[in-house]
PDB file of all heavy atoms in Angstrom:
ATOM      1  N   LYS A   1     131.088  97.515 148.463  1.00  0.00           N
ATOM      2  CA  LYS A   1     132.028  98.087 149.425  1.00  0.00           C
ATOM      3  C   LYS A   1     133.384  97.399 149.225  1.00  0.00           C
ATOM      4  O   LYS A   1     133.528  96.209 149.479  1.00  0.00           O
ATOM      5  CB  LYS A   1     131.532  97.899 150.850  1.00  0.00           C
ATOM      6  CG  LYS A   1     130.248  98.657 151.155  1.00  0.00           C
ATOM      7  CD  LYS A   1     129.822  98.466 152.602  1.00  0.00           C
ATOM      8  CE  LYS A   1     128.548  99.247 152.908  1.00  0.00           C
ATOM      9  NZ  LYS A   1     128.108  99.071 154.310  1.00  0.00           N
ATOM     10  N   ASP A   2     134.345  98.163 148.788  1.00  0.00           N
ATOM     11  CA  ASP A   2     135.663  97.603 148.507  1.00  0.00           C
ATOM     12  C   ASP A   2     136.568  97.653 149.733  1.00  0.00           C
ATOM     13  O   ASP A   2     136.434  98.534 150.591  1.00  0.00           O
ATOM     14  CB  ASP A   2     136.344  98.373 147.379  1.00  0.00           C
ATOM     15  CG  ASP A   2     135.530  98.370 146.095  1.00  0.00           C
ATOM     16  OD1 ASP A   2     134.730  97.429 145.906  1.00  0.00           O
ATOM     17  OD2 ASP A   2     135.697  99.301 145.291  1.00  0.00           O
ATOM     18  N   THR A   3     137.491  96.726 149.768  1.00  0.00           N
ATOM     19  CA  THR A   3     138.561  96.759 150.764  1.00  0.00           C
ATOM     20  C   THR A   3     139.878  96.507 150.036  1.00  0.00           C
ATOM     21  O   THR A   3     139.904  95.968 148.923  1.00  0.00           O
ATOM     22  CB  THR A   3     138.377  95.695 151.865  1.00  0.00           C
ATOM     23  OG1 THR A   3     138.336  94.391 151.259  1.00  0.00           O
ATOM     24  CG2 THR A   3     137.088  95.936 152.649  1.00  0.00           C
ATOM     25  N   VAL A   4     140.957  96.907 150.678  1.00  0.00           N
ATOM     26  CA  VAL A   4     142.291  96.579 150.183  1.00  0.00           C
ATOM     27  C   VAL A   4     142.892  95.562 151.140  1.00  0.00           C
ATOM     28  O   VAL A   4     143.029  95.827 152.343  1.00  0.00           O
ATOM     29  CB  VAL A   4     143.181  97.837 150.091  1.00  0.00           C
ATOM     30  CG1 VAL A   4     144.615  97.441 149.748  1.00  0.00           C
ATOM     31  CG2 VAL A   4     142.630  98.799 149.047  1.00  0.00           C
ATOM     32  N   GLU A   5     143.220  94.402 150.602  1.00  0.00           N
ATOM     33  CA  GLU A   5     143.811  93.333 151.399  1.00  0.00           C
ATOM     34  C   GLU A   5     145.324  93.340 151.179  1.00  0.00           C
ATOM     35  O   GLU A   5     145.797  93.371 150.044  1.00  0.00           O
ATOM     36  CB  GLU A   5     143.233  91.976 150.995  1.00  0.00           C
ATOM     37  CG  GLU A   5     141.715  91.926 150.951  1.00  0.00           C
ATOM     38  CD  GLU A   5     141.057  92.176 152.296  1.00  0.00           C
ATOM     39  OE1 GLU A   5     141.695  91.832 153.327  1.00  0.00           O
ATOM     40  OE2 GLU A   5     139.931  92.698 152.328  1.00  0.00           O
ATOM     41  N   VAL A   6     146.071  93.325 152.259  1.00  0.00           N
ATOM     42  CA  VAL A   6     147.528  93.396 152.184  1.00  0.00           C
ATOM     43  C   VAL A   6     148.121  92.050 152.607  1.00  0.00           C
ATOM     44  O   VAL A   6     147.798  91.534 153.688  1.00  0.00           O
ATOM     45  CB  VAL A   6     148.083  94.521 153.080  1.00  0.00           C
ATOM     46  CG1 VAL A   6     149.581  94.676 152.858  1.00  0.00           C
ATOM     47  CG2 VAL A   6     147.358  95.838 152.814  1.00  0.00           C
ATOM     48  N   TYR A   7     148.977  91.492 151.749  1.00  0.00           N
ATOM     49  CA  TYR A   7     149.582  90.192 152.000  1.00  0.00           C
ATOM     50  C   TYR A   7     151.102  90.299 151.911  1.00  0.00           C
ATOM     51  O   TYR A   7     151.649  91.230 151.321  1.00  0.00           O
ATOM     52  CB  TYR A   7     149.116  89.162 150.966  1.00  0.00           C
ATOM     53  CG  TYR A   7     147.631  88.905 150.961  1.00  0.00           C
ATOM     54  CD1 TYR A   7     146.789  89.677 150.160  1.00  0.00           C
ATOM     55  CD2 TYR A   7     147.075  87.898 151.733  1.00  0.00           C
ATOM     56  CE1 TYR A   7     145.424  89.444 150.133  1.00  0.00           C
ATOM     57  CE2 TYR A   7     145.712  87.650 151.715  1.00  0.00           C
ATOM     58  CZ  TYR A   7     144.893  88.432 150.919  1.00  0.00           C
ATOM     59  OH  TYR A   7     143.537  88.202 150.901  1.00  0.00           O
ATOM     60  N   GLU A   8     151.755  89.294 152.494  1.00  0.00           N
ATOM     61  CA  GLU A   8     153.203  89.169 152.394  1.00  0.00           C
ATOM     62  C   GLU A   8     153.534  87.773 151.888  1.00  0.00           C
ATOM     63  O   GLU A   8     153.019  86.777 152.401  1.00  0.00           O
ATOM     64  CB  GLU A   8     153.852  89.400 153.756  1.00  0.00           C
ATOM     65  CG  GLU A   8     155.366  89.531 153.701  1.00  0.00           C
ATOM     66  CD  GLU A   8     155.923  89.962 155.048  1.00  0.00           C
ATOM     67  OE1 GLU A   8     155.957  89.118 155.956  1.00  0.00           O
ATOM     68  OE2 GLU A   8     156.306  91.141 155.185  1.00  0.00           O
ATOM     69  N   PHE A   9     154.376  87.732 150.851  1.00  0.00           N
ATOM     70  CA  PHE A   9     154.746  86.452 150.252  1.00  0.00           C
ATOM     71  C   PHE A   9     156.195  86.137 150.575  1.00  0.00           C
ATOM     72  O   PHE A   9     157.098  86.935 150.320  1.00  0.00           O
ATOM     73  CB  PHE A   9     154.547  86.491 148.741  1.00  0.00           C
ATOM     74  CG  PHE A   9     154.942  85.233 148.036  1.00  0.00           C
ATOM     75  CD1 PHE A   9     154.207  84.070 148.210  1.00  0.00           C
ATOM     76  CD2 PHE A   9     156.062  85.200 147.208  1.00  0.00           C
ATOM     77  CE1 PHE A   9     154.565  82.897 147.560  1.00  0.00           C
ATOM     78  CE2 PHE A   9     156.429  84.031 146.557  1.00  0.00           C
ATOM     79  CZ  PHE A   9     155.680  82.874 146.732  1.00  0.00           C
ATOM     80  N   ASP A  10     156.401  84.971 151.161  1.00  0.00           N
ATOM     81  CA  ASP A  10     157.740  84.497 151.494  1.00  0.00           C
ATOM     82  C   ASP A  10     158.204  83.566 150.378  1.00  0.00           C
ATOM     83  O   ASP A  10     157.637  82.488 150.175  1.00  0.00           O
ATOM     84  CB  ASP A  10     157.727  83.761 152.831  1.00  0.00           C
ATOM     85  CG  ASP A  10     159.124  83.458 153.342  1.00  0.00           C
ATOM     86  OD1 ASP A  10     159.957  82.991 152.542  1.00  0.00           O
ATOM     87  OD2 ASP A  10     159.389  83.688 154.542  1.00  0.00           O
ATOM     88  N   GLU A  11     159.234  84.001 149.633  1.00  0.00           N
ATOM     89  CA  GLU A  11     159.699  83.211 148.490  1.00  0.00           C
ATOM     90  C   GLU A  11     160.374  81.914 148.910  1.00  0.00           C
ATOM     91  O   GLU A  11     160.413  80.952 148.137  1.00  0.00           O
ATOM     92  CB  GLU A  11     160.663  84.050 147.650  1.00  0.00           C
ATOM     93  CG  GLU A  11     160.002  85.251 146.994  1.00  0.00           C
ATOM     94  CD  GLU A  11     161.008  86.179 146.340  1.00  0.00           C
ATOM     95  OE1 GLU A  11     161.656  86.942 147.090  1.00  0.00           O
ATOM     96  OE2 GLU A  11     161.136  86.127 145.102  1.00  0.00           O
ATOM     97  N   ASN A  12     160.918  81.873 150.114  1.00  0.00           N
ATOM     98  CA  ASN A  12     161.596  80.656 150.566  1.00  0.00           C
ATOM     99  C   ASN A  12     160.599  79.557 150.914  1.00  0.00           C
ATOM    100  O   ASN A  12     160.718  78.419 150.463  1.00  0.00           O
ATOM    101  CB  ASN A  12     162.488  80.963 151.773  1.00  0.00           C
ATOM    102  CG  ASN A  12     163.645  81.888 151.407  1.00  0.00           C
ATOM    103  OD1 ASN A  12     164.242  81.752 150.337  1.00  0.00           O
ATOM    104  ND2 ASN A  12     163.954  82.823 152.287  1.00  0.00           N
ATOM    105  N   SER A  13     159.602  79.915 151.721  1.00  0.00           N
ATOM    106  CA  SER A  13     158.607  78.927 152.137  1.00  0.00           C
ATOM    107  C   SER A  13     157.421  78.853 151.187  1.00  0.00           C
ATOM    108  O   SER A  13     156.556  77.994 151.332  1.00  0.00           O
ATOM    109  CB  SER A  13     158.093  79.266 153.546  1.00  0.00           C
ATOM    110  OG  SER A  13     157.417  80.521 153.544  1.00  0.00           O
ATOM    111  N   LYS A  14     157.374  79.780 150.209  1.00  0.00           N
ATOM    112  CA  LYS A  14     156.249  79.871 149.259  1.00  0.00           C
ATOM    113  C   LYS A  14     154.914  80.043 149.983  1.00  0.00           C
ATOM    114  O   LYS A  14     153.882  79.553 149.554  1.00  0.00           O
ATOM    115  CB  LYS A  14     156.176  78.609 148.364  1.00  0.00           C
ATOM    116  CG  LYS A  14     157.472  78.272 147.650  1.00  0.00           C
ATOM    117  CD  LYS A  14     157.916  79.393 146.723  1.00  0.00           C
ATOM    118  CE  LYS A  14     159.195  79.023 145.981  1.00  0.00           C
ATOM    119  NZ  LYS A  14     159.715  80.120 145.135  1.00  0.00           N
ATOM    120  N   SER A  15     154.958  80.786 151.079  1.00  0.00           N
ATOM    121  CA  SER A  15     153.748  80.989 151.872  1.00  0.00           C
ATOM    122  C   SER A  15     153.242  82.422 151.737  1.00  0.00           C
ATOM    123  O   SER A  15     154.021  83.364 151.557  1.00  0.00           O
ATOM    124  CB  SER A  15     154.015  80.674 153.349  1.00  0.00           C
ATOM    125  OG  SER A  15     155.007  81.535 153.866  1.00  0.00           O
ATOM    126  N   LEU A  16     151.939  82.575 151.844  1.00  0.00           N
ATOM    127  CA  LEU A  16     151.274  83.874 151.758  1.00  0.00           C
ATOM    128  C   LEU A  16     150.609  84.169 153.089  1.00  0.00           C
ATOM    129  O   LEU A  16     149.808  83.376 153.584  1.00  0.00           O
ATOM    130  CB  LEU A  16     150.232  83.864 150.639  1.00  0.00           C
ATOM    131  CG  LEU A  16     149.624  85.200 150.229  1.00  0.00           C
ATOM    132  CD1 LEU A  16     150.664  86.093 149.570  1.00  0.00           C
ATOM    133  CD2 LEU A  16     148.456  84.971 149.264  1.00  0.00           C
ATOM    134  N   THR A  17     150.955  85.318 153.662  1.00  0.00           N
ATOM    135  CA  THR A  17     150.410  85.704 154.962  1.00  0.00           C
ATOM    136  C   THR A  17     149.639  87.011 154.835  1.00  0.00           C
ATOM    137  O   THR A  17     150.156  87.992 154.283  1.00  0.00           O
ATOM    138  CB  THR A  17     151.536  85.892 155.995  1.00  0.00           C
ATOM    139  OG1 THR A  17     152.292  84.688 156.097  1.00  0.00           O
ATOM    140  CG2 THR A  17     150.960  86.260 157.357  1.00  0.00           C
ATOM    141  N   LYS A  18     148.411  87.019 155.337  1.00  0.00           N
ATOM    142  CA  LYS A  18     147.634  88.251 155.311  1.00  0.00           C
ATOM    143  C   LYS A  18     148.080  89.152 156.453  1.00  0.00           C
ATOM    144  O   LYS A  18     148.146  88.737 157.612  1.00  0.00           O
ATOM    145  CB  LYS A  18     146.143  87.955 155.434  1.00  0.00           C
ATOM    146  CG  LYS A  18     145.274  89.203 155.364  1.00  0.00           C
ATOM    147  CD  LYS A  18     143.793  88.860 155.355  1.00  0.00           C
ATOM    148  CE  LYS A  18     142.939  90.121 155.331  1.00  0.00           C
ATOM    149  NZ  LYS A  18     141.494  89.820 155.283  1.00  0.00           N
ATOM    150  N   LEU A  19     148.384  90.415 156.122  1.00  0.00           N
ATOM    151  CA  LEU A  19     148.841  91.361 157.128  1.00  0.00           C
ATOM    152  C   LEU A  19     147.698  92.201 157.677  1.00  0.00           C
ATOM    153  O   LEU A  19     147.593  92.403 158.878  1.00  0.00           O
ATOM    154  CB  LEU A  19     149.913  92.283 156.525  1.00  0.00           C
ATOM    155  CG  LEU A  19     151.170  91.600 155.978  1.00  0.00           C
ATOM    156  CD1 LEU A  19     152.131  92.636 155.433  1.00  0.00           C
ATOM    157  CD2 LEU A  19     151.844  90.770 157.068  1.00  0.00           C
ATOM    158  N   LYS A  20     146.835  92.715 156.786  1.00  0.00           N
ATOM    159  CA  LYS A  20     145.713  93.513 157.253  1.00  0.00           C
ATOM    160  C   LYS A  20     144.728  93.761 156.130  1.00  0.00           C
ATOM    161  O   LYS A  20     145.011  93.522 154.948  1.00  0.00           O
ATOM    162  CB  LYS A  20     146.184  94.845 157.825  1.00  0.00           C
ATOM    163  CG  LYS A  20     146.967  95.732 156.866  1.00  0.00           C
ATOM    164  CD  LYS A  20     147.421  97.013 157.576  1.00  0.00           C
ATOM    165  CE  LYS A  20     148.344  97.841 156.715  1.00  0.00           C
ATOM    166  NZ  LYS A  20     148.788  99.079 157.400  1.00  0.00           N
ATOM    167  N   SER A  21     143.557  94.246 156.513  1.00  0.00           N
ATOM    168  CA  SER A  21     142.518  94.644 155.573  1.00  0.00           C
ATOM    169  C   SER A  21     142.202  96.116 155.823  1.00  0.00           C
ATOM    170  O   SER A  21     142.022  96.537 156.974  1.00  0.00           O
ATOM    171  CB  SER A  21     141.256  93.790 155.773  1.00  0.00           C
ATOM    172  OG  SER A  21     140.234  94.184 154.888  1.00  0.00           O
ATOM    173  N   ILE A  22     142.148  96.906 154.753  1.00  0.00           N
ATOM    174  CA  ILE A  22     141.937  98.353 154.877  1.00  0.00           C
ATOM    175  C   ILE A  22     140.615  98.710 154.222  1.00  0.00           C
ATOM    176  O   ILE A  22     140.340  98.317 153.085  1.00  0.00           O
ATOM    177  CB  ILE A  22     143.079  99.137 154.202  1.00  0.00           C
ATOM    178  CG1 ILE A  22     144.425  98.719 154.798  1.00  0.00           C
ATOM    179  CG2 ILE A  22     142.873 100.636 154.362  1.00  0.00           C
ATOM    180  CD1 ILE A  22     145.621  99.229 154.005  1.00  0.00           C
ATOM    181  N   SER A  23     139.773  99.453 154.929  1.00  0.00           N
ATOM    182  CA  SER A  23     138.472  99.857 154.398  1.00  0.00           C
ATOM    183  C   SER A  23     138.283 101.357 154.582  1.00  0.00           C
ATOM    184  O   SER A  23     138.944 101.991 155.401  1.00  0.00           O
ATOM    185  CB  SER A  23     137.340  99.097 155.101  1.00  0.00           C
ATOM    186  OG  SER A  23     137.335  99.367 156.492  1.00  0.00           O
ATOM    187  N   SER A  24     137.382 101.924 153.800  1.00  0.00           N
ATOM    188  CA  SER A  24     137.114 103.356 153.859  1.00  0.00           C
ATOM    189  C   SER A  24     135.799 103.658 153.154  1.00  0.00           C
ATOM    190  O   SER A  24     135.394 102.935 152.238  1.00  0.00           O
ATOM    191  CB  SER A  24     138.253 104.136 153.186  1.00  0.00           C
ATOM    192  OG  SER A  24     137.910 105.498 153.001  1.00  0.00           O
ATOM    193  N   LYS A  25     135.154 104.738 153.565  1.00  0.00           N
ATOM    194  CA  LYS A  25     133.944 105.181 152.869  1.00  0.00           C
ATOM    195  C   LYS A  25     134.257 105.606 151.438  1.00  0.00           C
ATOM    196  O   LYS A  25     133.368 105.651 150.589  1.00  0.00           O
ATOM    197  CB  LYS A  25     133.306 106.345 153.618  1.00  0.00           C
ATOM    198  CG  LYS A  25     134.176 107.608 153.683  1.00  0.00           C
ATOM    199  CD  LYS A  25     133.490 108.725 154.444  1.00  0.00           C
ATOM    200  CE  LYS A  25     134.357 109.985 154.497  1.00  0.00           C
ATOM    201  NZ  LYS A  25     133.693 111.085 155.248  1.00  0.00           N
ATOM    202  N   TYR A  26     135.507 105.923 151.165  1.00  0.00           N
ATOM    203  CA  TYR A  26     135.911 106.337 149.829  1.00  0.00           C
ATOM    204  C   TYR A  26     136.159 105.145 148.895  1.00  0.00           C
ATOM    205  O   TYR A  26     136.290 105.330 147.677  1.00  0.00           O
ATOM    206  CB  TYR A  26     137.189 107.169 149.886  1.00  0.00           C
ATOM    207  CG  TYR A  26     137.067 108.439 150.677  1.00  0.00           C
ATOM    208  CD1 TYR A  26     137.901 108.679 151.772  1.00  0.00           C
ATOM    209  CD2 TYR A  26     136.124 109.408 150.347  1.00  0.00           C
ATOM    210  CE1 TYR A  26     137.798 109.848 152.507  1.00  0.00           C
ATOM    211  CE2 TYR A  26     136.013 110.583 151.073  1.00  0.00           C
ATOM    212  CZ  TYR A  26     136.865 110.791 152.156  1.00  0.00           C
ATOM    213  OH  TYR A  26     136.756 111.951 152.882  1.00  0.00           O
ATOM    214  N   TYR A  27     136.230 103.955 149.436  1.00  0.00           N
ATOM    215  CA  TYR A  27     136.582 102.796 148.633  1.00  0.00           C
ATOM    216  C   TYR A  27     135.369 102.247 147.892  1.00  0.00           C
ATOM    217  O   TYR A  27     134.745 101.248 148.293  1.00  0.00           O
ATOM    218  CB  TYR A  27     137.237 101.721 149.497  1.00  0.00           C
ATOM    219  CG  TYR A  27     138.695 102.006 149.820  1.00  0.00           C
ATOM    220  CD1 TYR A  27     139.306 103.175 149.402  1.00  0.00           C
ATOM    221  CD2 TYR A  27     139.465 101.103 150.537  1.00  0.00           C
ATOM    222  CE1 TYR A  27     140.630 103.455 149.703  1.00  0.00           C
ATOM    223  CE2 TYR A  27     140.799 101.360 150.827  1.00  0.00           C
ATOM    224  CZ  TYR A  27     141.376 102.535 150.408  1.00  0.00           C
ATOM    225  OH  TYR A  27     142.696 102.803 150.693  1.00  0.00           O
ATOM    226  N   ILE A  28     135.023 102.914 146.786  1.00  0.00           N
ATOM    227  CA  ILE A  28     133.998 102.448 145.861  1.00  0.00           C
ATOM    228  C   ILE A  28     134.595 102.474 144.454  1.00  0.00           C
ATOM    229  O   ILE A  28     135.504 103.252 144.169  1.00  0.00           O
ATOM    230  CB  ILE A  28     132.728 103.325 145.899  1.00  0.00           C
ATOM    231  CG1 ILE A  28     133.045 104.768 145.493  1.00  0.00           C
ATOM    232  CG2 ILE A  28     132.074 103.266 147.274  1.00  0.00           C
ATOM    233  CD1 ILE A  28     131.833 105.641 145.266  1.00  0.00           C
ATOM    234  N   ASN A  29     134.115 101.588 143.587  1.00  0.00           N
ATOM    235  CA  ASN A  29     134.601 101.532 142.207  1.00  0.00           C
ATOM    236  C   ASN A  29     136.136 101.518 142.148  1.00  0.00           C
ATOM    237  O   ASN A  29     136.739 102.130 141.272  1.00  0.00           O
ATOM    238  CB  ASN A  29     134.070 102.727 141.406  1.00  0.00           C
ATOM    239  CG  ASN A  29     132.557 102.805 141.420  1.00  0.00           C
ATOM    240  OD1 ASN A  29     131.868 101.821 141.177  1.00  0.00           O
ATOM    241  ND2 ASN A  29     132.020 103.985 141.718  1.00  0.00           N
ATOM    242  N   SER A  30     136.728 100.825 143.078  1.00  0.00           N
ATOM    243  CA  SER A  30     138.195 100.786 143.163  1.00  0.00           C
ATOM    244  C   SER A  30     138.756  99.979 142.000  1.00  0.00           C
ATOM    245  O   SER A  30     138.183  98.970 141.589  1.00  0.00           O
ATOM    246  CB  SER A  30     138.632 100.170 144.489  1.00  0.00           C
ATOM    247  OG  SER A  30     138.040 100.862 145.579  1.00  0.00           O
ATOM    248  N   ASN A  31     139.897 100.431 141.487  1.00  0.00           N
ATOM    249  CA  ASN A  31     140.411  99.805 140.272  1.00  0.00           C
ATOM    250  C   ASN A  31     141.834  99.284 140.421  1.00  0.00           C
ATOM    251  O   ASN A  31     142.058  98.093 140.434  1.00  0.00           O
ATOM    252  CB  ASN A  31     140.306 100.799 139.111  1.00  0.00           C
ATOM    253  CG  ASN A  31     140.338 100.134 137.762  1.00  0.00           C
ATOM    254  OD1 ASN A  31     141.225  99.351 137.479  1.00  0.00           O
ATOM    255  ND2 ASN A  31     139.356 100.436 136.919  1.00  0.00           N
ATOM    256  N   ASP A  32     142.814 100.171 140.553  1.00  0.00           N
ATOM    257  CA  ASP A  32     144.205  99.718 140.559  1.00  0.00           C
ATOM    258  C   ASP A  32     145.006 100.432 141.639  1.00  0.00           C
ATOM    259  O   ASP A  32     144.726 101.581 141.988  1.00  0.00           O
ATOM    260  CB  ASP A  32     144.833  99.962 139.189  1.00  0.00           C
ATOM    261  CG  ASP A  32     146.132  99.194 138.994  1.00  0.00           C
ATOM    262  OD1 ASP A  32     146.347  98.190 139.713  1.00  0.00           O
ATOM    263  OD2 ASP A  32     146.930  99.587 138.130  1.00  0.00           O
ATOM    264  N   ILE A  33     146.023  99.733 142.139  1.00  0.00           N
ATOM    265  CA  ILE A  33     146.854 100.216 143.247  1.00  0.00           C
ATOM    266  C   ILE A  33     148.300 100.363 142.784  1.00  0.00           C
ATOM    267  O   ILE A  33     148.798  99.541 142.012  1.00  0.00           O
ATOM    268  CB  ILE A  33     146.819  99.230 144.426  1.00  0.00           C
ATOM    269  CG1 ILE A  33     145.425  99.174 145.060  1.00  0.00           C
ATOM    270  CG2 ILE A  33     147.837  99.610 145.505  1.00  0.00           C
ATOM    271  CD1 ILE A  33     145.301  98.107 146.121  1.00  0.00           C
ATOM    272  N   VAL A  34     148.967 101.407 143.282  1.00  0.00           N
ATOM    273  CA  VAL A  34     150.411 101.494 143.119  1.00  0.00           C
ATOM    274  C   VAL A  34     151.020 101.803 144.486  1.00  0.00           C
ATOM    275  O   VAL A  34     150.593 102.714 145.181  1.00  0.00           O
ATOM    276  CB  VAL A  34     150.816 102.565 142.082  1.00  0.00           C
ATOM    277  CG1 VAL A  34     150.366 103.959 142.481  1.00  0.00           C
ATOM    278  CG2 VAL A  34     152.325 102.539 141.840  1.00  0.00           C
ATOM    279  N   ALA A  35     152.003 100.996 144.873  1.00  0.00           N
ATOM    280  CA  ALA A  35     152.649 101.170 146.171  1.00  0.00           C
ATOM    281  C   ALA A  35     153.776 102.194 146.069  1.00  0.00           C
ATOM    282  O   ALA A  35     154.516 102.235 145.095  1.00  0.00           O
ATOM    283  CB  ALA A  35     153.207  99.839 146.664  1.00  0.00           C
ATOM    284  N   ILE A  36     153.893 103.017 147.100  1.00  0.00           N
ATOM    285  CA  ILE A  36     154.980 103.992 147.197  1.00  0.00           C
ATOM    286  C   ILE A  36     156.099 103.441 148.067  1.00  0.00           C
ATOM    287  O   ILE A  36     157.278 103.617 147.777  1.00  0.00           O
ATOM    288  CB  ILE A  36     154.460 105.324 147.772  1.00  0.00           C
ATOM    289  CG1 ILE A  36     153.325 105.880 146.893  1.00  0.00           C
ATOM    290  CG2 ILE A  36     155.598 106.344 147.886  1.00  0.00           C
ATOM    291  CD1 ILE A  36     153.696 106.073 145.440  1.00  0.00           C
ATOM    292  N   ASP A  37     155.731 102.770 149.137  1.00  0.00           N
ATOM    293  CA  ASP A  37     156.694 102.085 149.992  1.00  0.00           C
ATOM    294  C   ASP A  37     155.968 100.940 150.689  1.00  0.00           C
ATOM    295  O   ASP A  37     154.927 100.479 150.204  1.00  0.00           O
ATOM    296  CB  ASP A  37     157.350 103.059 150.991  1.00  0.00           C
ATOM    297  CG  ASP A  37     156.340 103.828 151.837  1.00  0.00           C
ATOM    298  OD1 ASP A  37     155.221 103.313 152.074  1.00  0.00           O
ATOM    299  OD2 ASP A  37     156.663 104.955 152.266  1.00  0.00           O
TER     300      ASP A  37
END
């Protein structure tokens, strides 16, 4: 069962913050992501 984890990276503080986790019944054999916005 795959999920997509969304993070935000702050270049000034060099910190990584998790924003959310996205799941779906369609998320199997997931491979690559491309962001639109």
